[in-house]
Amino acid sequence: MNTATKFPLVYVPVCLIYLLINSSISAELSAVFKILPIILLATLVFRSCLESAGLKINLFAALLFSMGGDVLLEIGYFVPGLVSFLTAQIAYSVLFARHYSNWKKNFPVVVSLIIFSLVMSWVMWNSAGDMRIPVLAYLAVISFMGLTAASSSIKGVTLGALVFIASDSFIAINRFVSDVPASGWLVMITYYLAQYLLIVSAVNSLKKAEQN
């Protein structure tokens, strides 16, 4: 059984542990369990056979700032958490932009992302109140991340980016518009899935590119 097969057998249970216990423990302890799946992904990057230190640094930066955002949001610091995740999205965007291919190959995705971003911007402008500027700034950056993923030669990251955008949209709608049923589970399941898809797809695709 190879690493690609074994990793989900560890990753999924660790994600589930957080989902099952986070509401019954302190915020500080919950934050520790929350970042464990992301630490596993960082370990996967570290153990990968990627030769480029720059690529590893890019991926580590995205995961490090994601962990920072996870902890800050968990203990109630929304804006600092937003800034940390914004930085993570920039790190992903830089990686995808460095491997630009052709945005036309995913034309329907690109157009859909632009339309979705415009609609969400309008919704947040009318719903986020005093938070509209940081929320719209984050929306712009994560939308750009999605566009760079859709235009990248790195296979598989487009789906991860779309799931990430969906996860953060659930957060925004639940916080500023109306309650989303089972929002805690919905947000975290899509978030952990998005990070898995982004990291595993990037590592596998970039490793193959280096070998060719």
N, C-alpha and C. Protein backbone atom coordinates (compact mmCIF):
# COMPACT_ATOMS: atom_id res chain seq x y z
N MET A 1 0.85 -1.19 0.00
CA MET A 1 0.00 0.00 0.00
C MET A 1 0.89 1.25 0.00
N ASN A 2 0.75 2.12 -1.02
CA ASN A 2 1.62 3.29 -1.12
C ASN A 2 1.11 4.44 -0.26
N THR A 3 1.95 5.53 -0.23
CA THR A 3 1.61 6.68 0.60
C THR A 3 0.30 7.32 0.19
N ALA A 4 0.07 7.39 -1.13
CA ALA A 4 -1.16 8.02 -1.62
C ALA A 4 -2.40 7.29 -1.12
N THR A 5 -2.26 5.97 -0.93
CA THR A 5 -3.39 5.17 -0.44
C THR A 5 -3.50 5.25 1.08
N LYS A 6 -2.36 5.26 1.75
CA LYS A 6 -2.35 5.25 3.22
C LYS A 6 -2.72 6.59 3.83
N PHE A 7 -2.34 7.68 3.18
CA PHE A 7 -2.52 9.00 3.79
C PHE A 7 -3.98 9.30 4.16
N PRO A 8 -4.95 9.06 3.26
CA PRO A 8 -6.35 9.33 3.64
C PRO A 8 -6.81 8.50 4.83
N LEU A 9 -6.22 7.32 5.03
CA LEU A 9 -6.60 6.47 6.15
C LEU A 9 -6.21 7.09 7.49
N VAL A 10 -5.24 7.99 7.45
CA VAL A 10 -4.86 8.74 8.65
C VAL A 10 -5.56 10.10 8.68
N TYR A 11 -5.58 10.75 7.53
CA TYR A 11 -6.11 12.12 7.43
C TYR A 11 -7.59 12.20 7.80
N VAL A 12 -8.39 11.32 7.24
CA VAL A 12 -9.84 11.37 7.47
C VAL A 12 -10.20 11.17 8.95
N PRO A 13 -9.65 10.15 9.63
CA PRO A 13 -9.97 10.00 11.06
C PRO A 13 -9.55 11.21 11.91
N VAL A 14 -8.41 11.81 11.59
CA VAL A 14 -7.96 12.98 12.35
C VAL A 14 -8.93 14.14 12.16
N CYS A 15 -9.42 14.32 10.94
CA CYS A 15 -10.44 15.34 10.68
C CYS A 15 -11.71 15.06 11.48
N LEU A 16 -12.12 13.81 11.49
CA LEU A 16 -13.35 13.43 12.19
C LEU A 16 -13.23 13.63 13.70
N ILE A 17 -12.05 13.37 14.24
CA ILE A 17 -11.85 13.56 15.69
C ILE A 17 -12.14 15.00 16.07
N TYR A 18 -11.61 15.94 15.28
CA TYR A 18 -11.88 17.36 15.58
C TYR A 18 -13.37 17.66 15.49
N LEU A 19 -14.01 17.18 14.43
CA LEU A 19 -15.44 17.45 14.24
C LEU A 19 -16.29 16.90 15.38
N LEU A 20 -15.88 15.78 15.92
CA LEU A 20 -16.67 15.12 16.96
C LEU A 20 -16.47 15.72 18.35
N ILE A 21 -15.28 16.29 18.61
CA ILE A 21 -15.01 16.73 19.98
C ILE A 21 -14.93 18.24 20.15
N ASN A 22 -14.91 19.01 19.06
CA ASN A 22 -14.61 20.44 19.18
C ASN A 22 -15.63 21.20 20.03
N SER A 23 -16.88 20.76 20.01
CA SER A 23 -17.91 21.49 20.77
C SER A 23 -17.91 21.15 22.26
N SER A 24 -17.15 20.15 22.65
CA SER A 24 -17.17 19.71 24.05
C SER A 24 -15.88 20.01 24.80
N ILE A 25 -14.94 20.71 24.16
CA ILE A 25 -13.67 21.05 24.80
C ILE A 25 -13.44 22.55 24.71
N SER A 26 -12.43 23.04 25.39
CA SER A 26 -12.14 24.47 25.38
C SER A 26 -11.71 24.93 23.99
N ALA A 27 -11.85 26.22 23.73
CA ALA A 27 -11.48 26.77 22.42
C ALA A 27 -10.00 26.56 22.14
N GLU A 28 -9.18 26.71 23.18
CA GLU A 28 -7.73 26.56 23.01
C GLU A 28 -7.36 25.12 22.62
N LEU A 29 -7.96 24.15 23.31
CA LEU A 29 -7.69 22.75 22.99
C LEU A 29 -8.29 22.39 21.64
N SER A 30 -9.46 22.94 21.36
CA SER A 30 -10.10 22.71 20.06
C SER A 30 -9.22 23.20 18.92
N ALA A 31 -8.55 24.34 19.13
CA ALA A 31 -7.67 24.89 18.10
C ALA A 31 -6.52 23.93 17.79
N VAL A 32 -6.03 23.25 18.83
CA VAL A 32 -4.94 22.28 18.64
C VAL A 32 -5.41 21.13 17.75
N PHE A 33 -6.57 20.58 18.06
CA PHE A 33 -7.09 19.47 17.26
C PHE A 33 -7.46 19.94 15.84
N LYS A 34 -7.88 21.19 15.73
CA LYS A 34 -8.30 21.72 14.43
C LYS A 34 -7.17 21.75 13.42
N ILE A 35 -5.96 22.04 13.88
CA ILE A 35 -4.84 22.17 12.94
C ILE A 35 -4.10 20.85 12.69
N LEU A 36 -4.45 19.80 13.41
CA LEU A 36 -3.76 18.52 13.22
C LEU A 36 -3.83 18.01 11.77
N PRO A 37 -5.00 18.08 11.10
CA PRO A 37 -5.03 17.64 9.70
C PRO A 37 -4.11 18.47 8.80
N ILE A 38 -3.98 19.77 9.09
CA ILE A 38 -3.11 20.62 8.28
C ILE A 38 -1.65 20.30 8.54
N ILE A 39 -1.33 19.94 9.79
CA ILE A 39 0.03 19.50 10.11
C ILE A 39 0.35 18.22 9.34
N LEU A 40 -0.62 17.33 9.23
CA LEU A 40 -0.41 16.11 8.43
C LEU A 40 -0.10 16.44 6.98
N LEU A 41 -0.81 17.42 6.43
CA LEU A 41 -0.55 17.83 5.05
C LEU A 41 0.84 18.44 4.92
N ALA A 42 1.26 19.20 5.91
CA ALA A 42 2.61 19.78 5.90
C ALA A 42 3.66 18.67 5.94
N THR A 43 3.38 17.62 6.72
CA THR A 43 4.28 16.47 6.78
C THR A 43 4.36 15.78 5.43
N LEU A 44 3.22 15.70 4.75
CA LEU A 44 3.19 15.10 3.41
C LEU A 44 4.08 15.89 2.45
N VAL A 45 4.00 17.22 2.52
CA VAL A 45 4.85 18.07 1.68
C VAL A 45 6.32 17.85 2.02
N PHE A 46 6.63 17.81 3.32
CA PHE A 46 8.01 17.64 3.77
C PHE A 46 8.59 16.32 3.28
N ARG A 47 7.77 15.27 3.29
CA ARG A 47 8.25 13.94 2.91
C ARG A 47 8.16 13.69 1.41
N SER A 48 7.61 14.64 0.68
CA SER A 48 7.50 14.46 -0.77
C SER A 48 8.88 14.52 -1.41
N CYS A 49 8.95 14.06 -2.63
CA CYS A 49 10.22 14.04 -3.35
C CYS A 49 10.41 15.28 -4.22
N LEU A 50 9.70 16.35 -3.90
CA LEU A 50 9.86 17.58 -4.67
C LEU A 50 11.28 18.09 -4.53
N GLU A 51 11.93 18.36 -5.66
CA GLU A 51 13.31 18.82 -5.64
C GLU A 51 13.41 20.33 -5.40
N SER A 52 12.40 21.06 -5.83
CA SER A 52 12.43 22.52 -5.73
C SER A 52 12.10 22.98 -4.31
N ALA A 53 13.08 23.65 -3.68
CA ALA A 53 12.84 24.20 -2.35
C ALA A 53 11.78 25.30 -2.41
N GLY A 54 11.76 26.03 -3.53
CA GLY A 54 10.79 27.11 -3.69
C GLY A 54 9.36 26.61 -3.67
N LEU A 55 9.11 25.47 -4.32
CA LEU A 55 7.77 24.89 -4.33
C LEU A 55 7.36 24.45 -2.93
N LYS A 56 8.28 23.83 -2.22
CA LYS A 56 7.98 23.40 -0.85
C LYS A 56 7.68 24.59 0.05
N ILE A 57 8.49 25.64 -0.09
CA ILE A 57 8.27 26.85 0.72
C ILE A 57 6.90 27.44 0.44
N ASN A 58 6.54 27.46 -0.86
CA ASN A 58 5.22 27.97 -1.26
C ASN A 58 4.09 27.20 -0.57
N LEU A 59 4.19 25.88 -0.62
CA LEU A 59 3.17 25.03 -0.01
C LEU A 59 3.17 25.15 1.51
N PHE A 60 4.36 25.18 2.10
CA PHE A 60 4.46 25.35 3.55
C PHE A 60 3.85 26.67 3.99
N ALA A 61 4.10 27.73 3.22
CA ALA A 61 3.55 29.05 3.57
C ALA A 61 2.03 29.02 3.57
N ALA A 62 1.45 28.39 2.54
CA ALA A 62 -0.01 28.30 2.46
C ALA A 62 -0.57 27.55 3.66
N LEU A 63 0.09 26.46 4.04
CA LEU A 63 -0.39 25.66 5.17
C LEU A 63 -0.14 26.36 6.51
N LEU A 64 1.00 27.03 6.64
CA LEU A 64 1.32 27.72 7.89
C LEU A 64 0.31 28.83 8.18
N PHE A 65 0.02 29.64 7.16
CA PHE A 65 -0.94 30.73 7.37
C PHE A 65 -2.37 30.20 7.50
N SER A 66 -2.64 29.04 6.90
CA SER A 66 -3.94 28.40 7.12
C SER A 66 -4.09 27.98 8.57
N MET A 67 -3.01 27.41 9.12
CA MET A 67 -3.04 27.01 10.53
C MET A 67 -3.21 28.23 11.44
N GLY A 68 -2.53 29.31 11.09
CA GLY A 68 -2.70 30.53 11.86
C GLY A 68 -4.14 31.01 11.83
N GLY A 69 -4.74 30.96 10.65
CA GLY A 69 -6.14 31.35 10.52
C GLY A 69 -7.07 30.44 11.30
N ASP A 70 -6.78 29.14 11.26
CA ASP A 70 -7.59 28.18 12.01
C ASP A 70 -7.59 28.50 13.50
N VAL A 71 -6.40 28.73 14.04
CA VAL A 71 -6.28 29.00 15.48
C VAL A 71 -6.96 30.31 15.85
N LEU A 72 -6.70 31.35 15.07
CA LEU A 72 -7.26 32.67 15.39
C LEU A 72 -8.79 32.67 15.32
N LEU A 73 -9.34 32.01 14.31
CA LEU A 73 -10.80 31.94 14.21
C LEU A 73 -11.39 31.12 15.35
N GLU A 74 -10.69 30.06 15.72
CA GLU A 74 -11.21 29.17 16.77
C GLU A 74 -11.29 29.88 18.13
N ILE A 75 -10.34 30.79 18.38
CA ILE A 75 -10.34 31.47 19.69
C ILE A 75 -11.00 32.84 19.62
N GLY A 76 -11.67 33.12 18.48
CA GLY A 76 -12.53 34.29 18.41
C GLY A 76 -11.96 35.54 17.79
N TYR A 77 -10.81 35.45 17.14
CA TYR A 77 -10.21 36.62 16.49
C TYR A 77 -10.51 36.57 14.99
N PHE A 78 -11.66 37.12 14.61
CA PHE A 78 -12.13 36.95 13.23
C PHE A 78 -11.26 37.69 12.22
N VAL A 79 -11.01 38.98 12.43
CA VAL A 79 -10.26 39.75 11.44
C VAL A 79 -8.81 39.27 11.32
N PRO A 80 -8.07 39.06 12.43
CA PRO A 80 -6.73 38.50 12.28
C PRO A 80 -6.74 37.13 11.59
N GLY A 81 -7.75 36.32 11.89
CA GLY A 81 -7.87 35.03 11.22
C GLY A 81 -8.10 35.19 9.73
N LEU A 82 -8.91 36.18 9.38
CA LEU A 82 -9.19 36.47 7.98
C LEU A 82 -7.91 36.88 7.26
N VAL A 83 -7.11 37.72 7.92
CA VAL A 83 -5.85 38.19 7.33
C VAL A 83 -4.88 37.02 7.14
N SER A 84 -4.84 36.12 8.11
CA SER A 84 -3.96 34.96 8.00
C SER A 84 -4.37 34.06 6.83
N PHE A 85 -5.67 33.82 6.69
CA PHE A 85 -6.14 33.03 5.56
C PHE A 85 -5.94 33.76 4.23
N LEU A 86 -6.09 35.08 4.24
CA LEU A 86 -5.83 35.87 3.04
C LEU A 86 -4.40 35.65 2.58
N THR A 87 -3.46 35.64 3.53
CA THR A 87 -2.05 35.40 3.20
C THR A 87 -1.85 34.00 2.64
N ALA A 88 -2.57 33.03 3.20
CA ALA A 88 -2.50 31.66 2.68
C ALA A 88 -2.98 31.60 1.24
N GLN A 89 -4.05 32.33 0.93
CA GLN A 89 -4.58 32.35 -0.43
C GLN A 89 -3.59 33.00 -1.39
N ILE A 90 -2.87 34.01 -0.91
CA ILE A 90 -1.84 34.64 -1.75
C ILE A 90 -0.73 33.63 -2.05
N ALA A 91 -0.34 32.84 -1.05
CA ALA A 91 0.70 31.83 -1.26
C ALA A 91 0.26 30.81 -2.30
N TYR A 92 -0.98 30.35 -2.20
CA TYR A 92 -1.49 29.42 -3.22
C TYR A 92 -1.53 30.10 -4.59
N SER A 93 -1.97 31.34 -4.63
CA SER A 93 -2.07 32.07 -5.91
C SER A 93 -0.71 32.20 -6.58
N VAL A 94 0.32 32.50 -5.79
CA VAL A 94 1.68 32.63 -6.33
C VAL A 94 2.12 31.31 -6.94
N LEU A 95 1.86 30.21 -6.24
CA LEU A 95 2.23 28.89 -6.76
C LEU A 95 1.53 28.61 -8.08
N PHE A 96 0.23 28.84 -8.13
CA PHE A 96 -0.53 28.54 -9.35
C PHE A 96 -0.14 29.47 -10.49
N ALA A 97 0.12 30.73 -10.17
CA ALA A 97 0.52 31.69 -11.21
C ALA A 97 1.89 31.34 -11.79
N ARG A 98 2.75 30.77 -10.96
CA ARG A 98 4.07 30.35 -11.44
C ARG A 98 3.96 29.20 -12.44
N HIS A 99 2.84 28.52 -12.43
CA HIS A 99 2.61 27.41 -13.36
C HIS A 99 1.40 27.70 -14.25
N TYR A 100 1.35 28.94 -14.70
CA TYR A 100 0.23 29.37 -15.56
C TYR A 100 0.24 28.56 -16.86
N SER A 101 -0.93 28.15 -17.28
CA SER A 101 -1.08 27.42 -18.53
C SER A 101 -1.95 28.22 -19.49
N ASN A 102 -3.26 28.14 -19.30
CA ASN A 102 -4.17 28.86 -20.19
C ASN A 102 -5.55 28.90 -19.54
N TRP A 103 -6.03 30.10 -19.25
CA TRP A 103 -7.33 30.21 -18.59
C TRP A 103 -8.47 29.72 -19.47
N LYS A 104 -8.26 29.69 -20.78
CA LYS A 104 -9.33 29.28 -21.68
C LYS A 104 -9.67 27.79 -21.56
N LYS A 105 -8.73 27.01 -21.03
CA LYS A 105 -8.98 25.57 -20.91
C LYS A 105 -10.11 25.29 -19.92
N ASN A 106 -10.28 26.20 -18.97
CA ASN A 106 -11.35 26.07 -17.97
C ASN A 106 -12.30 27.26 -18.07
N PHE A 107 -12.61 27.64 -19.29
CA PHE A 107 -13.42 28.84 -19.53
C PHE A 107 -14.73 28.85 -18.74
N PRO A 108 -15.51 27.77 -18.72
CA PRO A 108 -16.76 27.79 -17.95
C PRO A 108 -16.52 28.03 -16.45
N VAL A 109 -15.44 27.44 -15.92
CA VAL A 109 -15.12 27.63 -14.51
C VAL A 109 -14.74 29.08 -14.24
N VAL A 110 -13.91 29.64 -15.11
CA VAL A 110 -13.47 31.03 -14.95
C VAL A 110 -14.66 31.99 -14.97
N VAL A 111 -15.54 31.82 -15.93
CA VAL A 111 -16.72 32.69 -16.04
C VAL A 111 -17.62 32.52 -14.82
N SER A 112 -17.84 31.27 -14.42
CA SER A 112 -18.69 31.01 -13.25
C SER A 112 -18.11 31.63 -11.98
N LEU A 113 -16.78 31.56 -11.84
CA LEU A 113 -16.12 32.15 -10.68
C LEU A 113 -16.29 33.67 -10.64
N ILE A 114 -16.14 34.28 -11.79
CA ILE A 114 -16.29 35.74 -11.87
C ILE A 114 -17.72 36.15 -11.50
N ILE A 115 -18.70 35.44 -12.06
CA ILE A 115 -20.10 35.75 -11.76
C ILE A 115 -20.38 35.52 -10.27
N PHE A 116 -19.92 34.39 -9.74
CA PHE A 116 -20.13 34.09 -8.33
C PHE A 116 -19.50 35.15 -7.43
N SER A 117 -18.30 35.58 -7.78
CA SER A 117 -17.61 36.58 -6.98
C SER A 117 -18.34 37.91 -6.98
N LEU A 118 -18.88 38.28 -8.13
CA LEU A 118 -19.63 39.53 -8.22
C LEU A 118 -20.91 39.46 -7.38
N VAL A 119 -21.60 38.32 -7.47
CA VAL A 119 -22.83 38.15 -6.68
C VAL A 119 -22.52 38.16 -5.19
N MET A 120 -21.48 37.43 -4.77
CA MET A 120 -21.10 37.39 -3.36
C MET A 120 -20.65 38.76 -2.87
N SER A 121 -19.98 39.51 -3.73
CA SER A 121 -19.55 40.86 -3.36
C SER A 121 -20.75 41.75 -3.07
N TRP A 122 -21.75 41.63 -3.91
CA TRP A 122 -22.98 42.42 -3.71
C TRP A 122 -23.67 42.01 -2.41
N VAL A 123 -23.75 40.69 -2.18
CA VAL A 123 -24.40 40.19 -0.96
C VAL A 123 -23.65 40.67 0.28
N MET A 124 -22.32 40.54 0.27
CA MET A 124 -21.52 40.94 1.43
C MET A 124 -21.54 42.45 1.63
N TRP A 125 -21.56 43.21 0.56
CA TRP A 125 -21.62 44.67 0.68
C TRP A 125 -22.88 45.10 1.43
N ASN A 126 -23.96 44.36 1.19
CA ASN A 126 -25.23 44.70 1.81
C ASN A 126 -25.46 44.00 3.15
N SER A 127 -24.59 43.05 3.50
CA SER A 127 -24.85 42.26 4.71
C SER A 127 -23.75 42.34 5.77
N ALA A 128 -22.53 42.63 5.36
CA ALA A 128 -21.40 42.51 6.29
C ALA A 128 -21.20 43.72 7.19
N GLY A 129 -21.91 44.82 6.93
CA GLY A 129 -21.83 45.99 7.79
C GLY A 129 -20.42 46.54 7.90
N ASP A 130 -19.94 46.75 9.13
CA ASP A 130 -18.61 47.30 9.35
C ASP A 130 -17.50 46.36 8.88
N MET A 131 -17.84 45.10 8.65
CA MET A 131 -16.84 44.12 8.22
C MET A 131 -16.74 44.02 6.71
N ARG A 132 -17.48 44.84 5.97
CA ARG A 132 -17.55 44.65 4.52
C ARG A 132 -16.19 44.82 3.84
N ILE A 133 -15.35 45.74 4.29
CA ILE A 133 -14.07 45.96 3.62
C ILE A 133 -13.14 44.76 3.78
N PRO A 134 -12.86 44.27 5.00
CA PRO A 134 -12.01 43.08 5.10
C PRO A 134 -12.62 41.85 4.43
N VAL A 135 -13.93 41.70 4.52
CA VAL A 135 -14.58 40.55 3.89
C VAL A 135 -14.46 40.62 2.37
N LEU A 136 -14.69 41.79 1.80
CA LEU A 136 -14.58 41.95 0.34
C LEU A 136 -13.13 41.79 -0.12
N ALA A 137 -12.19 42.25 0.69
CA ALA A 137 -10.77 42.08 0.34
C ALA A 137 -10.43 40.60 0.29
N TYR A 138 -10.91 39.85 1.28
CA TYR A 138 -10.65 38.41 1.29
C TYR A 138 -11.34 37.73 0.12
N LEU A 139 -12.55 38.14 -0.18
CA LEU A 139 -13.29 37.57 -1.30
C LEU A 139 -12.54 37.78 -2.61
N ALA A 140 -11.97 38.97 -2.78
CA ALA A 140 -11.21 39.26 -3.99
C ALA A 140 -9.99 38.35 -4.10
N VAL A 141 -9.30 38.14 -2.98
CA VAL A 141 -8.07 37.34 -3.00
C VAL A 141 -8.37 35.86 -3.23
N ILE A 142 -9.39 35.32 -2.56
CA ILE A 142 -9.69 33.90 -2.75
C ILE A 142 -10.27 33.66 -4.14
N SER A 143 -10.97 34.64 -4.69
CA SER A 143 -11.47 34.51 -6.07
C SER A 143 -10.29 34.49 -7.04
N PHE A 144 -9.30 35.33 -6.77
CA PHE A 144 -8.10 35.34 -7.62
C PHE A 144 -7.37 34.01 -7.51
N MET A 145 -7.32 33.44 -6.30
CA MET A 145 -6.72 32.13 -6.13
C MET A 145 -7.44 31.10 -6.98
N GLY A 146 -8.76 31.16 -6.99
CA GLY A 146 -9.53 30.24 -7.81
C GLY A 146 -9.25 30.40 -9.29
N LEU A 147 -9.11 31.65 -9.73
CA LEU A 147 -8.82 31.92 -11.15
C LEU A 147 -7.43 31.43 -11.53
N THR A 148 -6.44 31.63 -10.65
CA THR A 148 -5.09 31.15 -10.96
C THR A 148 -5.05 29.62 -10.96
N ALA A 149 -5.83 28.99 -10.08
CA ALA A 149 -5.89 27.53 -10.06
C ALA A 149 -6.49 27.00 -11.36
N ALA A 150 -7.56 27.65 -11.81
CA ALA A 150 -8.24 27.24 -13.04
C ALA A 150 -7.37 27.46 -14.27
N SER A 151 -6.39 28.36 -14.16
CA SER A 151 -5.51 28.68 -15.29
C SER A 151 -4.16 27.98 -15.18
N SER A 152 -3.99 27.15 -14.16
CA SER A 152 -2.69 26.53 -13.89
C SER A 152 -2.53 25.20 -14.61
N SER A 153 -1.27 24.83 -14.81
CA SER A 153 -0.98 23.53 -15.41
C SER A 153 -0.95 22.42 -14.35
N ILE A 154 -1.11 22.80 -13.08
CA ILE A 154 -1.10 21.81 -12.00
C ILE A 154 -2.45 21.10 -11.96
N LYS A 155 -2.44 19.83 -12.27
CA LYS A 155 -3.69 19.09 -12.40
C LYS A 155 -4.36 18.87 -11.04
N GLY A 156 -5.67 19.07 -11.01
CA GLY A 156 -6.46 18.75 -9.82
C GLY A 156 -6.71 19.90 -8.87
N VAL A 157 -5.93 20.99 -9.00
CA VAL A 157 -6.08 22.06 -8.01
C VAL A 157 -7.34 22.90 -8.21
N THR A 158 -7.89 22.88 -9.42
CA THR A 158 -9.10 23.67 -9.66
C THR A 158 -10.24 23.22 -8.75
N LEU A 159 -10.42 21.92 -8.63
CA LEU A 159 -11.48 21.40 -7.76
C LEU A 159 -11.23 21.79 -6.31
N GLY A 160 -9.99 21.68 -5.87
CA GLY A 160 -9.65 22.08 -4.51
C GLY A 160 -9.95 23.54 -4.25
N ALA A 161 -9.63 24.39 -5.21
CA ALA A 161 -9.89 25.83 -5.07
C ALA A 161 -11.39 26.10 -4.98
N LEU A 162 -12.16 25.43 -5.81
CA LEU A 162 -13.62 25.63 -5.80
C LEU A 162 -14.24 25.18 -4.48
N VAL A 163 -13.75 24.07 -3.94
CA VAL A 163 -14.27 23.58 -2.66
C VAL A 163 -13.88 24.55 -1.53
N PHE A 164 -12.67 25.11 -1.62
CA PHE A 164 -12.22 26.10 -0.63
C PHE A 164 -13.13 27.33 -0.66
N ILE A 165 -13.43 27.80 -1.86
CA ILE A 165 -14.31 28.96 -2.01
C ILE A 165 -15.70 28.65 -1.45
N ALA A 166 -16.18 27.44 -1.70
CA ALA A 166 -17.49 27.03 -1.15
C ALA A 166 -17.46 27.04 0.37
N SER A 167 -16.39 26.51 0.96
CA SER A 167 -16.26 26.47 2.42
C SER A 167 -16.31 27.87 3.02
N ASP A 168 -15.53 28.78 2.45
CA ASP A 168 -15.51 30.15 2.98
C ASP A 168 -16.81 30.89 2.71
N SER A 169 -17.49 30.52 1.65
CA SER A 169 -18.80 31.12 1.37
C SER A 169 -19.82 30.71 2.43
N PHE A 170 -19.74 29.45 2.87
CA PHE A 170 -20.62 28.99 3.94
C PHE A 170 -20.39 29.81 5.22
N ILE A 171 -19.11 30.09 5.51
CA ILE A 171 -18.79 30.90 6.69
C ILE A 171 -19.41 32.28 6.57
N ALA A 172 -19.21 32.91 5.40
CA ALA A 172 -19.69 34.28 5.20
C ALA A 172 -21.22 34.35 5.27
N ILE A 173 -21.88 33.41 4.62
CA ILE A 173 -23.35 33.41 4.62
C ILE A 173 -23.88 33.16 6.02
N ASN A 174 -23.27 32.19 6.72
CA ASN A 174 -23.73 31.87 8.07
C ASN A 174 -23.51 33.02 9.04
N ARG A 175 -22.42 33.76 8.86
CA ARG A 175 -22.09 34.84 9.79
C ARG A 175 -22.85 36.13 9.49
N PHE A 176 -23.05 36.43 8.19
CA PHE A 176 -23.58 37.74 7.83
C PHE A 176 -24.97 37.75 7.19
N VAL A 177 -25.43 36.60 6.72
CA VAL A 177 -26.71 36.59 5.99
C VAL A 177 -27.77 35.83 6.77
N SER A 178 -27.64 34.53 6.87
CA SER A 178 -28.61 33.71 7.62
C SER A 178 -27.95 32.41 8.04
N ASP A 179 -28.54 31.76 9.03
CA ASP A 179 -27.97 30.51 9.54
C ASP A 179 -27.96 29.43 8.46
N VAL A 180 -26.82 28.76 8.36
CA VAL A 180 -26.68 27.63 7.45
C VAL A 180 -26.81 26.35 8.28
N PRO A 181 -27.74 25.46 7.93
CA PRO A 181 -27.91 24.22 8.70
C PRO A 181 -26.61 23.43 8.78
N ALA A 182 -26.29 22.95 9.99
CA ALA A 182 -25.07 22.16 10.22
C ALA A 182 -23.83 22.88 9.69
N SER A 183 -23.79 24.18 9.88
CA SER A 183 -22.72 24.99 9.29
C SER A 183 -21.33 24.56 9.76
N GLY A 184 -21.21 24.19 11.05
CA GLY A 184 -19.90 23.79 11.56
C GLY A 184 -19.33 22.60 10.80
N TRP A 185 -20.14 21.57 10.65
CA TRP A 185 -19.70 20.39 9.90
C TRP A 185 -19.50 20.71 8.42
N LEU A 186 -20.42 21.45 7.84
CA LEU A 186 -20.34 21.77 6.42
C LEU A 186 -19.07 22.56 6.10
N VAL A 187 -18.79 23.56 6.92
CA VAL A 187 -17.60 24.39 6.70
C VAL A 187 -16.32 23.57 6.83
N MET A 188 -16.22 22.78 7.89
CA MET A 188 -14.97 22.08 8.14
C MET A 188 -14.75 20.89 7.20
N ILE A 189 -15.82 20.19 6.84
CA ILE A 189 -15.66 19.08 5.89
C ILE A 189 -15.16 19.60 4.55
N THR A 190 -15.77 20.68 4.07
CA THR A 190 -15.33 21.24 2.79
C THR A 190 -13.94 21.85 2.90
N TYR A 191 -13.63 22.44 4.05
CA TYR A 191 -12.30 23.03 4.25
C TYR A 191 -11.21 21.96 4.23
N TYR A 192 -11.39 20.91 5.01
CA TYR A 192 -10.39 19.84 5.04
C TYR A 192 -10.27 19.15 3.68
N LEU A 193 -11.39 18.98 3.00
CA LEU A 193 -11.35 18.39 1.66
C LEU A 193 -10.59 19.29 0.70
N ALA A 194 -10.85 20.59 0.77
CA ALA A 194 -10.18 21.55 -0.12
C ALA A 194 -8.67 21.52 0.09
N GLN A 195 -8.24 21.58 1.34
CA GLN A 195 -6.80 21.57 1.61
C GLN A 195 -6.17 20.26 1.13
N TYR A 196 -6.86 19.16 1.33
CA TYR A 196 -6.35 17.87 0.86
C TYR A 196 -6.20 17.87 -0.66
N LEU A 197 -7.24 18.31 -1.36
CA LEU A 197 -7.19 18.32 -2.82
C LEU A 197 -6.09 19.24 -3.34
N LEU A 198 -5.95 20.41 -2.74
CA LEU A 198 -4.92 21.36 -3.18
C LEU A 198 -3.52 20.80 -2.97
N ILE A 199 -3.24 20.32 -1.78
CA ILE A 199 -1.89 19.87 -1.46
C ILE A 199 -1.53 18.57 -2.19
N VAL A 200 -2.40 17.59 -2.13
CA VAL A 200 -2.11 16.30 -2.76
C VAL A 200 -2.00 16.46 -4.28
N SER A 201 -2.90 17.23 -4.88
CA SER A 201 -2.84 17.46 -6.33
C SER A 201 -1.56 18.18 -6.71
N ALA A 202 -1.20 19.20 -5.93
CA ALA A 202 0.01 19.97 -6.23
C ALA A 202 1.26 19.11 -6.11
N VAL A 203 1.35 18.36 -5.02
CA VAL A 203 2.53 17.51 -4.81
C VAL A 203 2.66 16.47 -5.92
N ASN A 204 1.57 15.78 -6.24
CA ASN A 204 1.62 14.74 -7.26
C ASN A 204 1.92 15.30 -8.64
N SER A 205 1.26 16.39 -9.01
CA SER A 205 1.45 16.98 -10.34
C SER A 205 2.85 17.57 -10.49
N LEU A 206 3.31 18.29 -9.48
CA LEU A 206 4.63 18.93 -9.57
C LEU A 206 5.75 17.90 -9.53
N LYS A 207 5.53 16.81 -8.78
CA LYS A 207 6.52 15.73 -8.74
C LYS A 207 6.68 15.09 -10.12
N LYS A 208 5.56 14.85 -10.79
CA LYS A 208 5.61 14.28 -12.15
C LYS A 208 6.29 15.23 -13.11
N ALA A 209 6.02 16.53 -12.97
CA ALA A 209 6.63 17.53 -13.85
C ALA A 209 8.14 17.57 -13.67
N GLU A 210 8.62 17.41 -12.44
CA GLU A 210 10.06 17.41 -12.19
C GLU A 210 10.73 16.16 -12.76
N GLN A 211 9.99 15.06 -12.81
CA GLN A 211 10.56 13.81 -13.29
C GLN A 211 10.64 13.74 -14.80
N ASN A 212 9.82 14.57 -15.48
CA ASN A 212 9.81 14.56 -16.95
C ASN A 212 10.91 15.45 -17.52
